[in-house]
N, C-alpha and C. Protein backbone atom coordinates (compact mmCIF):
# COMPACT_ATOMS: atom_id res chain seq x y z
N MET A 1 52.49 -17.00 -29.06
CA MET A 1 51.36 -16.12 -29.09
C MET A 1 51.43 -14.94 -29.98
N ALA A 2 52.82 -14.50 -30.01
CA ALA A 2 53.01 -13.14 -30.82
C ALA A 2 52.68 -13.44 -32.08
N PRO A 3 53.18 -14.63 -33.02
CA PRO A 3 52.70 -14.99 -34.41
C PRO A 3 51.10 -14.66 -34.50
N LEU A 4 50.38 -15.28 -33.57
CA LEU A 4 48.83 -15.21 -33.70
C LEU A 4 48.37 -13.76 -33.71
N ILE A 5 48.96 -12.88 -32.87
CA ILE A 5 48.60 -11.63 -32.69
C ILE A 5 48.84 -10.94 -34.06
N PHE A 6 49.97 -11.23 -34.48
CA PHE A 6 50.60 -10.56 -35.73
C PHE A 6 49.57 -10.92 -37.04
N LEU A 7 49.23 -12.10 -37.07
CA LEU A 7 48.25 -12.71 -38.10
C LEU A 7 46.97 -12.09 -38.01
N ALA A 8 46.47 -11.90 -36.77
CA ALA A 8 45.20 -11.23 -36.48
C ALA A 8 45.06 -9.82 -36.94
N VAL A 9 46.20 -9.17 -36.63
CA VAL A 9 46.30 -7.66 -37.12
C VAL A 9 46.43 -7.54 -38.57
N LEU A 10 47.13 -8.40 -39.17
CA LEU A 10 47.37 -8.47 -40.68
C LEU A 10 45.86 -8.74 -41.28
N LEU A 11 45.18 -9.70 -40.81
CA LEU A 11 43.75 -10.03 -41.39
C LEU A 11 42.88 -8.88 -41.20
N LEU A 12 42.96 -8.14 -40.07
CA LEU A 12 42.13 -7.05 -39.96
C LEU A 12 42.34 -5.86 -40.98
N PHE A 13 43.80 -5.59 -41.26
CA PHE A 13 44.10 -4.44 -42.12
C PHE A 13 43.61 -5.00 -43.60
N ALA A 14 43.81 -6.28 -43.81
CA ALA A 14 43.49 -6.74 -45.20
C ALA A 14 41.90 -6.77 -45.48
N SER A 15 41.17 -6.75 -44.30
CA SER A 15 39.71 -6.78 -44.43
C SER A 15 39.25 -5.31 -44.57
N VAL A 16 39.89 -4.20 -44.23
CA VAL A 16 39.41 -2.75 -44.26
C VAL A 16 39.36 -2.42 -45.79
N PRO A 17 38.12 -1.96 -46.18
CA PRO A 17 38.06 -1.43 -47.59
C PRO A 17 38.74 -0.26 -47.78
N THR A 18 39.45 -0.14 -48.97
CA THR A 18 40.08 1.09 -49.37
C THR A 18 39.27 1.78 -50.39
N ASP A 19 39.56 3.13 -50.67
CA ASP A 19 38.83 3.93 -51.73
C ASP A 19 38.81 3.16 -53.06
N GLU A 20 39.83 2.54 -53.34
CA GLU A 20 39.89 1.76 -54.62
C GLU A 20 38.91 0.74 -54.64
N THR A 21 38.74 0.01 -53.56
CA THR A 21 37.71 -1.10 -53.78
C THR A 21 36.26 -0.69 -53.54
N LEU A 22 36.11 0.60 -52.92
CA LEU A 22 34.74 1.10 -53.03
C LEU A 22 34.40 1.83 -54.29
N ALA A 23 35.41 1.91 -55.28
CA ALA A 23 35.00 2.65 -56.40
C ALA A 23 34.03 1.89 -57.17
N ALA A 24 33.12 2.77 -58.08
CA ALA A 24 32.05 1.96 -58.73
C ALA A 24 31.94 2.89 -60.14
N SER A 25 31.26 2.24 -61.05
CA SER A 25 31.13 2.79 -62.44
C SER A 25 29.74 2.35 -62.80
N VAL A 26 29.08 3.26 -63.65
CA VAL A 26 27.71 2.94 -64.22
C VAL A 26 27.76 3.50 -65.64
N SER A 27 26.91 2.88 -66.42
CA SER A 27 26.70 3.43 -67.72
C SER A 27 25.30 3.68 -67.81
N LEU A 28 24.97 5.05 -67.88
CA LEU A 28 23.53 5.38 -67.77
C LEU A 28 22.92 5.60 -69.28
N GLN A 29 21.68 5.08 -69.25
CA GLN A 29 20.97 5.39 -70.57
C GLN A 29 20.09 6.64 -70.40
N ALA A 30 19.88 7.33 -71.57
CA ALA A 30 19.09 8.34 -71.64
C ALA A 30 17.60 8.05 -71.18
N VAL A 31 17.05 9.04 -70.44
CA VAL A 31 15.54 8.90 -69.99
C VAL A 31 14.59 9.82 -71.08
N ALA A 32 15.36 10.70 -71.54
CA ALA A 32 14.68 11.62 -72.64
C ALA A 32 15.56 12.25 -73.54
N VAL A 33 15.13 12.32 -74.80
CA VAL A 33 15.90 12.94 -75.85
C VAL A 33 14.99 13.79 -76.66
N GLY A 34 15.30 14.96 -77.19
CA GLY A 34 14.36 15.79 -77.89
C GLY A 34 15.06 17.00 -78.72
N THR A 35 14.20 17.62 -79.50
CA THR A 35 14.69 18.72 -80.18
C THR A 35 13.53 19.78 -79.87
N ILE A 36 14.00 21.02 -79.42
CA ILE A 36 13.02 22.17 -79.24
C ILE A 36 13.32 23.29 -80.33
N GLY A 37 12.16 23.80 -81.05
CA GLY A 37 12.18 24.65 -82.09
C GLY A 37 11.78 26.07 -81.66
N ASP A 38 12.57 27.03 -82.29
CA ASP A 38 12.13 28.44 -81.91
C ASP A 38 12.08 29.09 -83.46
N TRP A 39 10.97 29.37 -83.90
CA TRP A 39 10.75 30.09 -85.23
C TRP A 39 10.60 31.62 -85.07
N GLY A 40 11.23 32.37 -86.00
CA GLY A 40 11.09 33.71 -86.17
C GLY A 40 10.00 33.98 -87.21
N VAL A 41 8.83 34.55 -86.61
CA VAL A 41 7.72 34.69 -87.52
C VAL A 41 7.85 35.82 -88.51
N MET A 42 8.31 36.91 -88.05
CA MET A 42 8.58 38.07 -88.84
C MET A 42 10.11 38.36 -88.94
N GLY A 43 10.84 37.45 -88.53
CA GLY A 43 12.39 37.95 -88.42
C GLY A 43 13.05 36.72 -87.81
N PRO A 44 14.29 36.92 -87.26
CA PRO A 44 15.04 35.74 -86.78
C PRO A 44 14.51 35.29 -85.50
N PRO A 45 14.84 34.11 -85.21
CA PRO A 45 14.28 33.47 -83.88
C PRO A 45 14.41 34.45 -82.59
N ASP A 46 13.46 34.51 -81.73
CA ASP A 46 13.46 35.43 -80.82
C ASP A 46 13.76 34.94 -79.51
N GLY A 47 14.28 33.60 -79.42
CA GLY A 47 14.63 33.13 -77.97
C GLY A 47 13.49 32.42 -77.31
N LYS A 48 12.18 32.44 -77.81
CA LYS A 48 10.98 31.91 -77.33
C LYS A 48 10.57 30.64 -77.98
N PRO A 49 10.93 29.44 -77.55
CA PRO A 49 10.60 28.24 -78.41
C PRO A 49 9.12 28.22 -78.49
N GLU A 50 8.66 27.62 -79.67
CA GLU A 50 7.19 27.48 -79.88
C GLU A 50 6.83 25.93 -79.71
N ARG A 51 7.62 25.12 -80.14
CA ARG A 51 7.26 23.67 -79.92
C ARG A 51 8.29 22.70 -79.87
N ILE A 52 8.16 21.59 -79.35
CA ILE A 52 9.03 20.29 -79.27
C ILE A 52 8.84 19.68 -80.63
N THR A 53 9.92 19.72 -81.54
CA THR A 53 9.75 19.23 -82.85
C THR A 53 10.15 17.60 -83.03
N SER A 54 10.80 17.13 -81.85
CA SER A 54 10.98 15.79 -81.78
C SER A 54 11.16 15.17 -80.54
N THR A 55 10.78 14.19 -80.19
CA THR A 55 10.99 13.47 -78.86
C THR A 55 11.82 12.19 -78.92
N THR A 56 12.41 12.10 -80.08
CA THR A 56 13.23 10.79 -80.52
C THR A 56 14.57 11.18 -80.95
N GLU A 57 14.84 12.56 -81.17
CA GLU A 57 16.03 12.95 -81.81
C GLU A 57 16.57 14.19 -81.30
N ALA A 58 17.85 14.26 -81.15
CA ALA A 58 18.50 15.64 -80.70
C ALA A 58 19.07 16.44 -81.94
N ILE A 59 18.73 17.47 -82.36
CA ILE A 59 18.92 18.12 -83.55
C ILE A 59 19.48 19.57 -83.14
N VAL A 60 20.63 19.95 -83.82
CA VAL A 60 21.03 21.33 -83.63
C VAL A 60 21.07 22.09 -85.03
N GLN A 61 20.47 23.19 -84.94
CA GLN A 61 20.28 24.14 -86.18
C GLN A 61 20.24 25.56 -85.81
N GLU A 62 21.02 26.44 -86.30
CA GLU A 62 21.04 27.85 -85.81
C GLU A 62 20.39 28.98 -86.85
N TYR A 63 19.88 28.50 -87.99
CA TYR A 63 19.15 29.51 -88.81
C TYR A 63 17.72 29.37 -88.45
N ASN A 64 16.76 29.91 -89.22
CA ASN A 64 15.44 29.96 -88.87
C ASN A 64 14.67 28.85 -89.40
N PRO A 65 14.17 27.91 -88.69
CA PRO A 65 14.10 27.88 -87.38
C PRO A 65 15.36 27.43 -86.62
N ARG A 66 15.46 27.84 -85.26
CA ARG A 66 16.57 27.45 -84.58
C ARG A 66 16.22 26.21 -83.77
N PHE A 67 17.06 25.22 -83.76
CA PHE A 67 16.75 24.03 -83.01
C PHE A 67 18.01 23.82 -81.99
N ARG A 68 17.48 23.38 -80.81
CA ARG A 68 18.53 22.81 -79.79
C ARG A 68 18.01 21.41 -79.41
N GLY A 69 19.12 20.65 -79.42
CA GLY A 69 18.98 19.28 -78.99
C GLY A 69 19.29 19.16 -77.38
N VAL A 70 18.48 18.25 -76.86
CA VAL A 70 18.66 17.94 -75.51
C VAL A 70 18.54 16.55 -75.28
N VAL A 71 19.28 15.99 -74.23
CA VAL A 71 19.13 14.67 -73.69
C VAL A 71 19.41 14.70 -72.07
N GLU A 72 18.61 13.92 -71.48
CA GLU A 72 18.55 13.90 -70.06
C GLU A 72 18.83 12.44 -69.53
N PHE A 73 19.59 12.34 -68.42
CA PHE A 73 19.95 11.16 -67.66
C PHE A 73 19.60 11.27 -66.27
N THR A 74 19.06 10.21 -65.64
CA THR A 74 18.82 10.13 -64.27
C THR A 74 20.23 9.76 -63.37
N LEU A 75 20.37 10.42 -62.38
CA LEU A 75 21.64 10.21 -61.57
C LEU A 75 21.37 9.42 -60.33
N SER A 76 20.21 8.72 -60.26
CA SER A 76 19.97 7.96 -58.94
C SER A 76 20.99 6.94 -58.60
N GLU A 77 21.65 6.48 -59.52
CA GLU A 77 22.63 5.43 -59.24
C GLU A 77 24.09 5.97 -58.88
N VAL A 78 24.20 7.32 -59.00
CA VAL A 78 25.49 7.97 -58.61
C VAL A 78 25.38 8.63 -57.26
N SER A 79 26.43 8.50 -56.54
CA SER A 79 26.57 9.27 -55.34
C SER A 79 27.90 9.50 -54.84
N GLY A 80 28.27 10.21 -53.91
CA GLY A 80 29.60 10.49 -53.52
C GLY A 80 30.40 11.27 -54.40
N THR A 81 31.74 10.91 -54.62
CA THR A 81 32.54 11.70 -55.41
C THR A 81 32.67 11.16 -56.84
N VAL A 82 32.39 11.97 -57.82
CA VAL A 82 32.68 11.60 -59.21
C VAL A 82 34.15 11.85 -59.50
N SER A 83 34.84 10.78 -60.08
CA SER A 83 36.16 10.81 -60.60
C SER A 83 36.25 11.07 -61.98
N LYS A 84 35.26 10.53 -62.81
CA LYS A 84 35.24 10.59 -64.21
C LYS A 84 33.86 10.43 -64.80
N ALA A 85 33.53 11.23 -65.85
CA ALA A 85 32.27 11.03 -66.44
C ALA A 85 32.45 11.52 -67.89
N THR A 86 32.01 10.54 -68.81
CA THR A 86 32.00 10.72 -70.34
C THR A 86 30.76 10.73 -70.85
N LEU A 87 30.49 11.51 -71.98
CA LEU A 87 29.31 11.59 -72.57
C LEU A 87 29.55 11.09 -73.95
N THR A 88 29.04 9.82 -74.42
CA THR A 88 29.28 9.44 -75.69
C THR A 88 27.95 9.42 -76.60
N PHE A 89 27.99 9.83 -77.83
CA PHE A 89 26.90 9.80 -78.73
C PHE A 89 27.28 9.87 -80.21
N THR A 90 26.45 9.49 -80.97
CA THR A 90 26.82 9.40 -82.54
C THR A 90 26.03 10.50 -83.17
N GLN A 91 27.00 11.19 -83.99
CA GLN A 91 26.52 12.23 -84.86
C GLN A 91 26.06 11.63 -86.28
N GLY A 92 24.94 12.14 -86.69
CA GLY A 92 24.38 11.52 -87.90
C GLY A 92 25.08 12.33 -88.98
N PRO A 93 24.77 11.93 -90.18
CA PRO A 93 25.33 12.55 -91.36
C PRO A 93 24.87 13.98 -91.44
N GLY A 94 25.69 14.88 -91.96
CA GLY A 94 25.39 16.25 -92.11
C GLY A 94 25.57 16.74 -93.55
N ALA A 95 25.08 17.83 -93.87
CA ALA A 95 25.09 18.35 -95.11
C ALA A 95 26.52 18.88 -95.52
N GLU A 96 26.89 19.11 -96.69
CA GLU A 96 28.18 19.44 -97.14
C GLU A 96 28.44 20.94 -96.51
N GLY A 97 29.70 21.11 -96.24
CA GLY A 97 30.09 22.44 -95.73
C GLY A 97 31.01 22.34 -94.83
N GLY A 98 31.53 23.51 -93.92
CA GLY A 98 32.48 23.41 -93.11
C GLY A 98 32.24 22.88 -91.80
N ASP A 99 33.27 22.84 -90.96
CA ASP A 99 32.95 22.25 -89.67
C ASP A 99 32.23 23.33 -88.65
N ALA A 100 31.58 22.78 -87.72
CA ALA A 100 30.54 23.54 -86.81
C ALA A 100 31.12 23.46 -85.24
N PRO A 101 31.35 24.61 -84.59
CA PRO A 101 31.72 24.42 -83.12
C PRO A 101 30.34 24.16 -82.28
N ILE A 102 30.35 23.20 -81.42
CA ILE A 102 29.26 23.08 -80.85
C ILE A 102 29.59 23.11 -79.21
N SER A 103 28.60 23.78 -78.55
CA SER A 103 28.79 23.84 -77.07
C SER A 103 27.74 22.80 -76.53
N VAL A 104 28.14 22.14 -75.37
CA VAL A 104 27.27 21.29 -74.74
C VAL A 104 27.12 21.83 -73.28
N LEU A 105 25.91 22.25 -72.94
CA LEU A 105 25.67 22.87 -71.66
C LEU A 105 24.87 21.91 -70.77
N PHE A 106 25.03 22.01 -69.44
CA PHE A 106 24.26 21.00 -68.42
C PHE A 106 23.37 21.80 -67.59
N TYR A 107 22.18 21.25 -67.21
CA TYR A 107 21.16 21.95 -66.46
C TYR A 107 20.57 20.84 -65.59
N GLN A 108 19.71 21.36 -64.72
CA GLN A 108 18.95 20.37 -63.78
C GLN A 108 17.73 20.00 -64.61
N GLY A 109 17.66 18.83 -64.99
CA GLY A 109 16.60 18.23 -65.82
C GLY A 109 15.48 17.80 -64.88
N ASN A 110 14.34 17.10 -65.53
CA ASN A 110 13.37 16.44 -64.77
C ASN A 110 12.99 15.14 -65.53
N GLY A 111 13.70 14.76 -66.49
CA GLY A 111 13.41 13.48 -67.11
C GLY A 111 12.28 13.55 -68.20
N VAL A 112 11.86 14.70 -68.58
CA VAL A 112 10.96 14.97 -69.53
C VAL A 112 11.42 16.22 -70.40
N ILE A 113 11.31 16.17 -71.78
CA ILE A 113 11.63 17.15 -72.59
C ILE A 113 10.53 18.15 -72.50
N SER A 114 10.91 19.53 -72.23
CA SER A 114 9.69 20.58 -72.23
C SER A 114 10.45 21.87 -73.06
N LEU A 115 9.59 22.74 -73.28
CA LEU A 115 9.90 24.02 -73.93
C LEU A 115 11.01 24.62 -73.01
N GLU A 116 10.77 24.58 -71.72
CA GLU A 116 11.76 25.41 -70.81
C GLU A 116 13.12 24.83 -70.97
N ASP A 117 13.41 23.70 -71.40
CA ASP A 117 14.68 23.04 -71.50
C ASP A 117 15.52 23.93 -72.47
N TYR A 118 14.90 24.68 -73.44
CA TYR A 118 15.45 25.41 -74.47
C TYR A 118 16.37 26.57 -73.82
N SER A 119 15.90 27.20 -72.79
CA SER A 119 16.73 28.24 -72.07
C SER A 119 16.86 28.20 -70.64
N LEU A 120 16.58 27.01 -70.06
CA LEU A 120 16.96 26.92 -68.71
C LEU A 120 18.25 27.32 -68.27
N PRO A 121 18.52 27.92 -67.11
CA PRO A 121 19.87 28.31 -66.71
C PRO A 121 20.84 27.04 -66.86
N ALA A 122 21.95 27.25 -67.55
CA ALA A 122 22.86 26.20 -67.67
C ALA A 122 24.27 26.58 -67.69
N LYS A 123 25.25 25.61 -67.50
CA LYS A 123 26.54 25.92 -67.57
C LYS A 123 27.31 25.06 -68.56
N LEU A 124 28.31 25.56 -68.90
CA LEU A 124 29.11 24.86 -69.98
C LEU A 124 29.76 23.37 -69.47
N ALA A 125 29.43 22.36 -70.16
CA ALA A 125 29.97 21.05 -69.84
C ALA A 125 31.21 20.80 -70.71
N ALA A 126 31.09 21.00 -71.93
CA ALA A 126 32.08 20.69 -72.92
C ALA A 126 31.81 21.45 -74.27
N THR A 127 32.84 21.38 -75.16
CA THR A 127 32.71 21.97 -76.44
C THR A 127 33.47 21.03 -77.50
N PHE A 128 33.06 20.91 -78.71
CA PHE A 128 33.76 20.03 -79.62
C PHE A 128 33.33 20.81 -80.97
N THR A 129 34.16 20.17 -81.98
CA THR A 129 33.94 20.58 -83.32
C THR A 129 33.35 19.48 -84.24
N SER A 130 32.17 19.77 -84.76
CA SER A 130 31.32 18.88 -85.37
C SER A 130 31.62 18.95 -86.91
N PRO A 131 32.32 17.91 -87.51
CA PRO A 131 32.56 18.05 -88.87
C PRO A 131 31.56 17.64 -89.85
N ALA A 132 31.52 18.28 -90.92
CA ALA A 132 30.52 17.72 -92.03
C ALA A 132 30.81 16.53 -92.39
N SER A 133 29.82 15.58 -92.41
CA SER A 133 30.09 14.07 -92.62
C SER A 133 29.06 13.45 -93.35
N LYS A 134 29.30 12.50 -94.17
CA LYS A 134 28.38 11.67 -94.94
C LYS A 134 28.01 10.46 -94.28
N GLY A 135 28.81 10.17 -93.17
CA GLY A 135 28.46 9.02 -92.30
C GLY A 135 28.39 9.36 -90.84
N PRO A 136 28.09 8.35 -90.01
CA PRO A 136 28.05 8.54 -88.70
C PRO A 136 29.32 8.65 -87.94
N ILE A 137 29.44 9.63 -86.93
CA ILE A 137 30.77 9.79 -86.21
C ILE A 137 30.39 9.59 -84.75
N VAL A 138 31.21 8.80 -83.94
CA VAL A 138 30.95 8.71 -82.65
C VAL A 138 31.81 9.61 -81.87
N HIS A 139 31.39 10.59 -81.09
CA HIS A 139 32.00 11.45 -80.21
C HIS A 139 32.00 10.94 -78.73
N THR A 140 33.10 11.26 -78.00
CA THR A 140 33.15 10.99 -76.57
C THR A 140 33.66 12.17 -75.83
N LEU A 141 32.84 12.94 -75.02
CA LEU A 141 33.38 14.19 -74.28
C LEU A 141 33.48 13.88 -72.96
N ASP A 142 34.53 14.62 -72.27
CA ASP A 142 34.81 14.66 -70.85
C ASP A 142 33.80 15.53 -70.22
N VAL A 143 32.87 15.11 -69.40
CA VAL A 143 31.91 15.86 -68.80
C VAL A 143 32.07 15.70 -67.35
N THR A 144 33.36 15.39 -66.76
CA THR A 144 33.51 15.09 -65.35
C THR A 144 33.09 16.28 -64.45
N THR A 145 33.57 17.45 -64.69
CA THR A 145 33.13 18.68 -63.93
C THR A 145 31.72 18.85 -63.86
N ALA A 146 30.97 18.78 -64.96
CA ALA A 146 29.49 18.88 -65.03
C ALA A 146 28.84 17.96 -64.16
N VAL A 147 29.34 16.42 -64.28
CA VAL A 147 28.40 15.58 -63.49
C VAL A 147 28.79 15.64 -62.15
N ARG A 148 30.21 16.04 -61.74
CA ARG A 148 30.48 16.23 -60.44
C ARG A 148 29.62 17.28 -59.59
N GLU A 149 29.62 18.47 -60.44
CA GLU A 149 28.84 19.53 -59.87
C GLU A 149 27.33 19.29 -59.64
N ALA A 150 26.69 18.55 -60.61
CA ALA A 150 25.34 18.00 -60.51
C ALA A 150 25.01 17.06 -59.35
N VAL A 151 26.02 16.26 -59.24
CA VAL A 151 25.81 15.24 -58.06
C VAL A 151 25.92 15.96 -56.86
N GLU A 152 26.91 16.82 -56.58
CA GLU A 152 27.32 17.70 -55.22
C GLU A 152 26.00 18.56 -55.15
N ALA A 153 25.34 19.03 -56.13
CA ALA A 153 24.19 19.86 -55.96
C ALA A 153 22.92 19.07 -55.71
N GLY A 154 22.94 17.85 -55.84
CA GLY A 154 21.73 17.07 -55.55
C GLY A 154 20.79 16.93 -56.71
N PHE A 155 21.29 17.03 -58.08
CA PHE A 155 20.39 16.88 -59.12
C PHE A 155 19.99 15.35 -59.10
N ARG A 156 18.70 15.17 -59.34
CA ARG A 156 18.24 13.77 -59.60
C ARG A 156 18.42 13.29 -61.17
N VAL A 157 18.24 14.49 -62.03
CA VAL A 157 18.43 14.39 -63.32
C VAL A 157 19.30 15.44 -63.94
N ILE A 158 20.27 15.10 -64.83
CA ILE A 158 21.01 16.03 -65.47
C ILE A 158 20.75 16.01 -66.96
N GLY A 159 20.58 17.21 -67.36
CA GLY A 159 20.29 17.44 -68.81
C GLY A 159 21.49 17.97 -69.66
N PHE A 160 21.69 17.78 -70.91
CA PHE A 160 22.67 18.27 -71.73
C PHE A 160 21.97 18.86 -72.78
N ARG A 161 22.38 20.22 -73.08
CA ARG A 161 21.78 20.88 -74.22
C ARG A 161 22.67 21.21 -75.29
N PHE A 162 22.39 20.82 -76.59
CA PHE A 162 23.51 21.01 -77.59
C PHE A 162 23.12 22.48 -78.31
N GLU A 163 24.18 23.33 -78.49
CA GLU A 163 23.93 24.59 -79.12
C GLU A 163 25.09 24.68 -80.10
N GLY A 164 25.07 25.61 -81.22
CA GLY A 164 26.14 25.69 -81.94
C GLY A 164 26.02 26.70 -82.93
N GLN A 165 27.26 27.03 -83.53
CA GLN A 165 27.18 28.16 -84.66
C GLN A 165 27.17 27.38 -85.91
N ILE A 166 26.16 26.83 -86.36
CA ILE A 166 25.88 25.97 -87.46
C ILE A 166 25.91 26.86 -88.73
N PRO A 167 26.72 26.48 -89.76
CA PRO A 167 26.56 27.11 -91.03
C PRO A 167 25.15 27.12 -91.61
N GLU A 168 24.85 28.25 -92.17
CA GLU A 168 23.50 28.33 -92.73
C GLU A 168 23.01 27.13 -93.67
N LYS A 169 21.78 26.76 -93.45
CA LYS A 169 21.16 25.58 -94.40
C LYS A 169 21.75 24.23 -93.98
N ARG A 170 22.34 24.22 -92.65
CA ARG A 170 22.86 22.79 -92.26
C ARG A 170 22.24 22.54 -90.95
N SER A 171 22.11 21.36 -90.62
CA SER A 171 21.68 20.93 -89.20
C SER A 171 22.60 19.78 -88.90
N PHE A 172 22.57 19.45 -87.48
CA PHE A 172 23.30 18.20 -87.13
C PHE A 172 22.43 17.45 -86.15
N SER A 173 22.38 16.09 -86.44
CA SER A 173 21.80 15.22 -85.48
C SER A 173 22.80 14.60 -84.54
N PHE A 174 22.57 14.71 -83.19
CA PHE A 174 23.45 14.02 -82.29
C PHE A 174 23.07 13.03 -81.49
N GLY A 175 22.31 12.03 -82.13
CA GLY A 175 21.79 10.84 -81.40
C GLY A 175 20.25 10.77 -81.20
N ASP A 176 19.79 9.69 -81.64
CA ASP A 176 18.27 9.50 -81.28
C ASP A 176 18.06 8.60 -80.17
N LEU A 177 16.83 8.42 -79.80
CA LEU A 177 16.50 7.74 -78.62
C LEU A 177 16.99 6.35 -78.60
N SER A 178 17.06 5.84 -79.73
CA SER A 178 17.35 4.25 -79.85
C SER A 178 18.95 4.22 -79.63
N THR A 179 19.82 5.16 -80.22
CA THR A 179 21.21 5.20 -79.96
C THR A 179 21.56 5.47 -78.49
N PHE A 180 20.77 6.55 -77.90
CA PHE A 180 21.09 6.81 -76.54
C PHE A 180 20.60 5.64 -75.59
N GLN A 181 19.82 4.86 -75.94
CA GLN A 181 19.22 3.83 -74.98
C GLN A 181 19.61 2.39 -75.56
N LEU A 182 19.95 2.16 -76.73
CA LEU A 182 20.38 0.88 -77.20
C LEU A 182 21.70 0.82 -77.82
N GLY A 183 22.12 2.04 -78.14
CA GLY A 183 23.36 2.05 -79.15
C GLY A 183 24.66 2.72 -78.36
N THR A 184 25.14 3.69 -79.08
CA THR A 184 26.48 4.36 -78.80
C THR A 184 26.21 5.38 -77.55
N GLY A 185 24.95 5.87 -77.49
CA GLY A 185 24.71 7.00 -76.62
C GLY A 185 24.75 6.55 -75.24
N ARG A 186 25.67 7.13 -74.36
CA ARG A 186 25.80 6.66 -72.87
C ARG A 186 26.29 7.85 -72.12
N LEU A 187 25.99 7.96 -70.96
CA LEU A 187 26.73 8.80 -69.87
C LEU A 187 27.30 7.78 -68.91
N ALA A 188 28.83 7.62 -69.02
CA ALA A 188 29.45 6.77 -68.19
C ALA A 188 30.11 7.46 -67.04
N VAL A 189 29.84 6.97 -65.84
CA VAL A 189 30.37 7.63 -64.68
C VAL A 189 31.17 6.65 -63.68
N GLU A 190 32.29 7.19 -63.33
CA GLU A 190 33.12 6.37 -62.16
C GLU A 190 33.01 7.44 -61.00
N PHE A 191 32.67 6.77 -59.89
CA PHE A 191 32.57 7.50 -58.58
C PHE A 191 32.86 6.69 -57.40
N THR A 192 33.13 7.39 -56.33
CA THR A 192 33.27 6.70 -55.04
C THR A 192 32.00 6.86 -54.23
N PRO A 193 31.41 5.88 -53.98
CA PRO A 193 30.01 6.16 -53.30
C PRO A 193 30.27 6.61 -51.82
N ARG A 194 29.18 7.31 -51.23
CA ARG A 194 29.22 7.71 -49.80
C ARG A 194 29.28 6.45 -48.96
N ARG A 195 30.07 6.52 -47.90
CA ARG A 195 30.09 5.33 -46.93
C ARG A 195 29.19 5.62 -45.73
C-alpha cells in the first residue's frame, strides 16, 4: 500500500504549476504612432504644440519646428509581474552629422495620438545614442522598469515619447506605422500572470 501512496503524492506534486510554467510572453503591436509639432512663430518653440504632423511616423527634431515622436501599445494582454520588456524599432536614414542622444519617456496613453501627448507627465524609460546613418538601424531597448510600473499602476495603454538633443538641421525617424505593426517595431513583454 505504501508504494501507491508515494506514487499518488508524487503525481500530486508533479501536477502543481510552478511560476516557471505560468510564465507568459507577448509581442505587442503599436495601436498608434505619430509626430507632434511645436512651431515658434516669433522665436524658438514655446512648448505648446500646434498640430499632429504625422499619424504614420514617429519623428524627432529639436530645432524649429520641434518634433516629438510617440508610439502607444495596449497592455490588455499583460498582467501580474513583468520580468522583462523590450522595445524594438527601426531608425530610418538620418542626415550627415554627429550622433544624437535620445530619451524615451513613458506615459499613460489612450490609444490615440493627441497634442497632449507632447507634454503629458512622463518618466524616463530608456536612453540611447542615435547615430547618423544612411541606412536603417534596428534598436532594441530594455524598458522593463517602465512596463512593470505601468502594469502595476493599471495602465491600459502605455505610450513612449521620443525626445532628443538633435543637431541642428537634422531629424530622425524612429519607425512608422507599418514597421511597428508589420515589421520590426514591437513591444515584447515577459510576465507571470496573476493566479
